[in-house]
């Protein structure tokens, strides 16, 4: 009998089954390739993204042989287009780590230019533990696997995942950050999560604190409270957010644009309108300190900049602040 394969070739199956063996061998070869890899792709309405544009995979490295880095091109092959399905990222992470659970996210467009990035990621991974996978969002063109064995170990274990943001994305100032953050791209990507912990290289968690990040995940949004002279709400540089709710707000902004202010304060105002579950300043100060002073918080954002007079006290309580560069940072 004749069997025609997908390439149009015919093979006769003889009695000794030799063709069947060759067919099974071919299946094994296909299964060992990257064609079945699953990658997350944000929706193509993000800045600087063209619907017809495809992006190439990251260069392979010894540490990435068994762990996929998100590739827009390969995801497009799987989906048939560049539209993101909100459950796609769940397939990148171990299921027990993600669905209805939590994820930590840091964004850095030029990792090699930020010497403190890898130490900060290692610190957050150690402090948060294995139940909080860390997602590094970066530009593909700037990504190279760090030499750090500790980072590579986390990467291989998928406790650190690298995903690429749209090419040519830059953050020269607060305005560019706000424009990026109020669009649906980021929130669609993490919509399956229960809560996101957003952190930056100018933020830190204190290992001496008896509190944990989990103590604050009841809130839809919490960060270091902002003093009235500087605005309102919470700072977003070290913050916990409800991605589903933030996505709703971003989608509404896309349909009916409104005037923007710094993204963290803008979202705070929108959340107030929706009567979201948010803490008072006296409750939020236990989570993090920036402009509003509190003696022993769980974390800090830019402490040297905003709490310079308290730095000896801060350093005694949280020696990890020595890892911070002390300056303002936009990704």
Protein backbone atom coordinates (compact mmCIF):
# COMPACT_ATOMS: atom_id res chain seq x y z
CA UNK A 1 0.00 0.00 0.00
CA UNK A 2 1.11 3.59 -0.64
CA UNK A 3 1.36 6.38 1.95
CA UNK A 4 1.83 9.97 0.76
CA UNK A 5 3.54 12.33 3.21
CA UNK A 6 3.15 16.13 3.49
CA UNK A 7 6.00 16.76 1.05
CA UNK A 8 4.21 14.84 -1.72
CA UNK A 9 6.50 11.83 -1.70
CA UNK A 10 5.13 8.31 -1.80
CA UNK A 11 6.55 5.45 0.19
CA UNK A 12 5.58 1.78 0.09
CA UNK A 13 5.18 0.14 3.48
CA UNK A 14 6.79 -3.23 3.15
CA UNK A 15 6.26 -6.15 5.41
CA UNK A 16 9.31 -5.53 7.56
CA UNK A 17 8.00 -2.10 8.61
CA UNK A 18 11.14 -0.19 7.55
CA UNK A 19 9.14 2.81 6.40
CA UNK A 20 7.27 2.91 9.70
CA UNK A 21 10.60 3.05 11.53
CA UNK A 22 11.79 5.89 9.30
CA UNK A 23 8.51 7.72 9.86
CA UNK A 24 8.82 7.44 13.64
CA UNK A 25 12.42 8.64 13.44
CA UNK A 26 11.29 11.70 11.48
CA UNK A 27 8.70 12.48 14.14
CA UNK A 28 11.39 12.35 16.81
CA UNK A 29 13.50 14.83 14.85
CA UNK A 30 10.59 17.22 14.51
CA UNK A 31 9.71 16.94 18.19
CA UNK A 32 13.28 17.82 19.15
CA UNK A 33 13.18 21.10 17.22
CA UNK A 34 11.94 24.49 18.43
CA UNK A 35 8.76 24.37 16.39
CA UNK A 36 6.70 23.42 19.42
CA UNK A 37 8.17 26.11 21.67
CA UNK A 38 5.61 28.43 23.21
CA UNK A 39 6.31 32.13 23.41
CA UNK A 40 4.35 35.12 24.66
CA UNK A 41 3.57 38.04 22.38
CA UNK A 42 1.88 41.24 23.45
CA UNK A 43 -0.81 42.68 21.26
CA UNK A 44 0.41 44.62 18.26
CA UNK A 45 -1.25 47.87 19.35
CA UNK A 46 1.81 48.60 21.47
CA UNK A 47 4.16 51.49 20.62
CA UNK A 48 6.37 51.11 17.56
CA UNK A 49 4.85 47.76 16.57
CA UNK A 50 3.59 47.13 13.06
CA UNK A 51 1.01 44.39 12.53
CA UNK A 52 3.03 42.90 9.69
CA UNK A 53 6.39 43.08 11.40
CA UNK A 54 8.09 39.90 12.57
CA UNK A 55 10.95 39.74 15.02
CA UNK A 56 13.76 37.24 14.98
CA UNK A 57 14.64 34.91 17.86
CA UNK A 58 17.42 35.73 20.27
CA UNK A 59 20.85 34.33 19.54
CA UNK A 60 21.35 30.98 21.19
CA UNK A 61 23.73 30.53 24.07
CA UNK A 62 24.80 27.55 26.19
CA UNK A 63 22.52 28.67 29.00
CA UNK A 64 19.51 29.06 26.74
CA UNK A 65 19.70 25.65 25.08
CA UNK A 66 16.87 24.21 27.16
CA UNK A 67 14.98 27.39 28.02
CA UNK A 68 13.18 29.49 25.43
CA UNK A 69 13.45 33.25 25.31
CA UNK A 70 10.30 34.87 24.00
CA UNK A 71 10.44 35.41 20.25
CA UNK A 72 7.83 37.40 18.39
CA UNK A 73 8.58 35.55 15.15
CA UNK A 74 8.14 32.06 16.53
CA UNK A 75 4.98 33.04 18.39
CA UNK A 76 3.64 34.48 15.14
CA UNK A 77 4.25 31.10 13.50
CA UNK A 78 2.21 29.43 16.20
CA UNK A 79 -0.64 31.93 16.26
CA UNK A 80 -0.73 32.87 12.60
CA UNK A 81 -0.49 36.55 13.53
CA UNK A 82 0.94 38.87 16.15
CA UNK A 83 -2.18 39.17 18.27
CA UNK A 84 -1.60 38.19 21.88
CA UNK A 85 -3.89 35.81 23.76
CA UNK A 86 -3.86 36.61 27.47
CA UNK A 87 -3.27 33.00 28.47
CA UNK A 88 -0.15 32.64 26.30
CA UNK A 89 2.38 33.67 28.94
CA UNK A 90 1.03 31.02 31.29
CA UNK A 91 2.39 28.40 28.92
CA UNK A 92 5.91 29.78 29.29
CA UNK A 93 5.92 29.39 33.06
CA UNK A 94 5.35 26.26 35.12
CA UNK A 95 1.60 26.12 35.70
CA UNK A 96 1.94 25.89 39.48
CA UNK A 97 3.77 29.22 39.45
CA UNK A 98 1.32 31.30 37.52
CA UNK A 99 -2.39 30.72 37.10
CA UNK A 100 -4.19 32.96 39.61
CA UNK A 101 -0.90 33.50 41.39
CA UNK A 102 1.74 36.19 41.37
CA UNK A 103 4.68 37.36 39.29
CA UNK A 104 7.47 39.92 39.75
CA UNK A 105 8.35 42.13 36.80
CA UNK A 106 11.34 44.35 36.06
CA UNK A 107 11.88 46.24 32.82
CA UNK A 108 15.33 47.30 31.59
CA UNK A 109 15.97 48.30 27.99
CA UNK A 110 19.77 47.99 28.19
CA UNK A 111 20.76 45.33 30.74
CA UNK A 112 24.48 45.54 29.99
CA UNK A 113 24.44 49.25 30.83
CA UNK A 114 23.03 48.70 34.32
CA UNK A 115 25.63 46.90 36.47
CA UNK A 116 23.25 46.53 39.40
CA UNK A 117 20.53 44.77 37.39
CA UNK A 118 21.65 41.17 37.90
CA UNK A 119 22.42 41.61 41.64
CA UNK A 120 19.01 43.24 42.13
CA UNK A 121 17.22 40.41 40.30
CA UNK A 122 19.10 37.82 42.36
CA UNK A 123 18.20 39.69 45.54
CA UNK A 124 14.50 39.85 44.70
CA UNK A 125 14.46 36.20 43.68
CA UNK A 126 16.05 35.19 46.96
CA UNK A 127 13.74 37.37 49.04
CA UNK A 128 10.54 36.48 47.21
CA UNK A 129 11.25 32.76 46.90
CA UNK A 130 10.27 30.23 44.21
CA UNK A 131 6.56 31.10 44.23
CA UNK A 132 7.33 34.43 42.54
CA UNK A 133 8.79 33.93 39.05
CA UNK A 134 10.63 37.05 37.88
CA UNK A 135 10.05 38.40 34.39
CA UNK A 136 12.75 40.59 32.85
CA UNK A 137 11.35 42.72 30.03
CA UNK A 138 14.04 44.04 27.73
CA UNK A 139 14.95 44.87 24.14
CA UNK A 140 16.00 41.85 22.13
CA UNK A 141 18.78 43.76 20.38
CA UNK A 142 20.40 44.54 23.75
CA UNK A 143 20.01 41.13 25.37
CA UNK A 144 23.01 38.92 26.12
CA UNK A 145 23.01 36.12 28.64
CA UNK A 146 24.87 37.34 31.77
CA UNK A 147 27.93 35.42 32.90
CA UNK A 148 26.56 35.07 36.44
CA UNK A 149 26.17 31.35 37.30
CA UNK A 150 23.47 32.21 39.83
CA UNK A 151 21.44 34.07 37.22
CA UNK A 152 21.86 31.26 34.70
CA UNK A 153 20.70 28.73 37.26
CA UNK A 154 17.52 30.72 37.91
CA UNK A 155 17.06 31.13 34.17
CA UNK A 156 17.37 27.40 33.51
CA UNK A 157 14.89 26.71 36.31
CA UNK A 158 12.51 29.29 34.79
CA UNK A 159 12.45 31.26 37.97
CA UNK A 160 13.69 34.11 35.76
CA UNK A 161 12.06 34.53 32.33
CA UNK A 162 13.24 36.99 29.67
CA UNK A 163 10.61 38.56 27.41
CA UNK A 164 11.14 41.22 24.74
CA UNK A 165 9.37 44.55 24.56
CA UNK A 166 8.64 46.19 21.19
CA UNK A 167 11.85 47.22 19.38
CA UNK A 168 12.97 50.86 19.50
CA UNK A 169 11.15 51.37 22.81
CA UNK A 170 13.01 53.97 24.88
CA UNK A 171 12.34 55.66 28.20
CA UNK A 172 14.22 58.98 28.25
CA UNK A 173 11.84 60.58 30.74
CA UNK A 174 8.71 60.13 32.85
CA UNK A 175 6.41 61.00 29.96
CA UNK A 176 7.67 58.11 27.84
CA UNK A 177 7.20 55.74 30.78
CA UNK A 178 3.64 56.94 31.28
CA UNK A 179 2.74 56.55 27.61
CA UNK A 180 4.04 52.98 27.65
CA UNK A 181 2.39 52.02 30.92
CA UNK A 182 -1.10 53.31 30.14
CA UNK A 183 -1.36 51.22 26.97
CA UNK A 184 -2.81 47.69 27.16
CA UNK A 185 0.42 45.92 26.05
CA UNK A 186 1.90 45.29 29.50
CA UNK A 187 -1.35 44.47 31.25
CA UNK A 188 -2.51 42.07 28.55
CA UNK A 189 0.76 40.24 28.91
CA UNK A 190 0.24 39.61 32.62
CA UNK A 191 -3.55 39.42 32.77
CA UNK A 192 -3.50 35.74 33.91
CA UNK A 193 -1.67 36.69 37.11
CA UNK A 194 -3.34 37.44 40.41
CA UNK A 195 -0.90 40.23 41.27
CA UNK A 196 2.23 41.81 39.75
CA UNK A 197 5.10 43.08 41.83
CA UNK A 198 6.76 45.77 39.72
CA UNK A 199 10.28 46.68 40.82
CA UNK A 200 13.21 48.65 39.45
CA UNK A 201 16.96 48.72 40.03
CA UNK A 202 16.45 51.68 42.39
CA UNK A 203 14.15 49.67 44.66
CA UNK A 204 14.86 47.04 47.31
CA UNK A 205 13.21 44.64 49.74
CA UNK A 206 14.52 44.34 53.29
CA UNK A 207 15.31 40.83 54.45
CA UNK A 208 15.06 41.83 58.12
CA UNK A 209 11.43 42.82 57.79
CA UNK A 210 8.99 40.42 59.47
CA UNK A 211 6.52 41.22 56.71
CA UNK A 212 6.39 39.63 53.29
CA UNK A 213 5.10 40.81 49.95
CA UNK A 214 2.24 38.34 50.32
CA UNK A 215 0.99 40.39 53.27
CA UNK A 216 0.02 43.16 50.84
CA UNK A 217 -1.45 41.34 47.84
CA UNK A 218 -5.02 41.95 48.96
CA UNK A 219 -4.76 45.43 47.46
CA UNK A 220 -5.46 46.27 43.83
CA UNK A 221 -2.60 48.80 43.98
CA UNK A 222 -0.06 49.58 46.67
CA UNK A 223 3.29 51.33 46.62
CA UNK A 224 5.22 53.84 48.68
CA UNK A 225 2.74 56.60 49.62
CA UNK A 226 3.44 59.98 48.04
CA UNK A 227 3.44 63.11 50.20
CA UNK A 228 0.93 65.79 49.20
CA UNK A 229 3.64 68.19 48.04
CA UNK A 230 4.68 65.66 45.39
CA UNK A 231 1.30 64.40 44.25
CA UNK A 232 -1.09 61.72 45.42
CA UNK A 233 -1.43 57.95 45.57
CA UNK A 234 1.55 55.61 45.53
CA UNK A 235 4.85 55.46 43.71
CA UNK A 236 4.96 52.75 41.06
CA UNK A 237 8.70 51.98 41.14
CA UNK A 238 8.11 49.34 43.81
CA UNK A 239 4.45 48.43 43.70
CA UNK A 240 1.92 45.61 43.68
CA UNK A 241 -0.81 45.83 41.05
CA UNK A 242 -3.88 43.93 39.93
CA UNK A 243 -3.12 43.42 36.20
CA UNK A 244 -6.70 42.55 35.26
CA UNK A 245 -8.00 45.80 36.69
CA UNK A 246 -5.15 47.81 35.18
CA UNK A 247 -5.93 46.22 31.81
CA UNK A 248 -9.55 47.34 32.05
CA UNK A 249 -8.39 50.90 32.68
CA UNK A 250 -5.83 50.81 29.86
CA UNK A 251 -8.41 49.50 27.39
CA UNK A 252 -10.82 52.24 28.39
CA UNK A 253 -8.06 54.83 27.91
CA UNK A 254 -7.41 53.43 24.45
CA UNK A 255 -11.08 53.89 23.52
CA UNK A 256 -11.62 57.23 25.25
CA UNK A 257 -8.27 59.01 25.79
CA UNK A 258 -7.97 61.35 28.74
CA UNK A 259 -5.26 63.73 29.89
CA UNK A 260 -2.28 61.93 31.40
CA UNK A 261 -0.17 62.53 34.48
CA UNK A 262 2.65 60.31 35.86
CA UNK A 263 1.37 56.80 35.31
CA UNK A 264 1.27 55.71 38.95
CA UNK A 265 -0.73 58.78 40.00
CA UNK A 266 -2.90 58.56 36.88
CA UNK A 267 -3.80 54.94 37.57
CA UNK A 268 -4.46 55.81 41.21
CA UNK A 269 -7.05 58.38 40.13
CA UNK A 270 -8.72 55.92 37.75
CA UNK A 271 -8.79 53.27 40.47
CA UNK A 272 -10.45 55.71 42.86
CA UNK A 273 -13.18 56.25 40.27
CA UNK A 274 -13.75 52.48 40.20
CA UNK A 275 -13.72 52.20 43.99
CA UNK A 276 -10.83 49.74 43.82
CA UNK A 277 -9.48 48.12 46.96
CA UNK A 278 -6.56 50.36 47.95
CA UNK A 279 -4.84 51.09 51.27
CA UNK A 280 -4.60 54.35 53.15
CA UNK A 281 -1.22 56.07 53.30
CA UNK A 282 -0.81 54.83 56.88
CA UNK A 283 -1.30 51.27 55.64
CA UNK A 284 0.86 51.66 52.53
CA UNK A 285 3.86 53.03 54.45
CA UNK A 286 4.45 49.57 55.92
CA UNK A 287 4.93 48.24 52.40
CA UNK A 288 7.43 50.78 51.07
CA UNK A 289 9.00 54.17 51.73
CA UNK A 290 9.90 56.86 49.22
CA UNK A 291 8.81 60.44 50.04
CA UNK A 292 6.67 59.49 53.06
CA UNK A 293 8.86 58.48 56.00
CA UNK A 294 8.35 55.32 58.03
CA UNK A 295 10.91 53.61 60.24
CA UNK A 296 10.82 49.96 59.20
CA UNK A 297 9.03 49.24 55.92
CA UNK A 298 9.29 46.10 53.85
CA UNK A 299 11.00 47.98 51.02
CA UNK A 300 12.34 51.26 49.68
CA UNK A 301 12.31 53.17 46.42
CA UNK A 302 15.12 55.69 45.86
CA UNK A 303 15.85 56.09 49.58
CA UNK A 304 19.09 58.06 49.11
CA UNK A 305 17.27 60.61 46.98
CA UNK A 306 14.20 61.14 49.15
CA UNK A 307 15.33 60.14 52.65
CA UNK A 308 18.94 61.30 52.67
CA UNK A 309 18.82 62.43 56.30
CA UNK A 310 17.60 59.00 57.38
CA UNK A 311 20.17 56.95 55.46
CA UNK A 312 22.16 55.79 58.53
CA UNK A 313 18.94 54.50 60.09
CA UNK A 314 17.79 52.99 56.81
CA UNK A 315 21.11 51.23 56.24
CA UNK A 316 21.02 49.72 59.71
CA UNK A 317 17.50 48.40 59.15
CA UNK A 318 18.01 47.40 55.53
CA UNK A 319 21.69 46.86 54.59
CA UNK A 320 20.53 45.83 51.12
CA UNK A 321 20.04 49.51 50.22
CA UNK A 322 23.79 49.64 49.61
CA UNK A 323 23.07 47.78 46.37
CA UNK A 324 21.16 50.77 44.99
CA UNK A 325 22.84 53.40 42.87
CA UNK A 326 20.91 56.17 44.61
CA UNK A 327 19.67 57.94 41.49
CA UNK A 328 16.50 58.34 39.48
CA UNK A 329 15.84 55.62 36.95
CA UNK A 330 13.46 55.35 33.98
CA UNK A 331 14.20 51.78 32.76
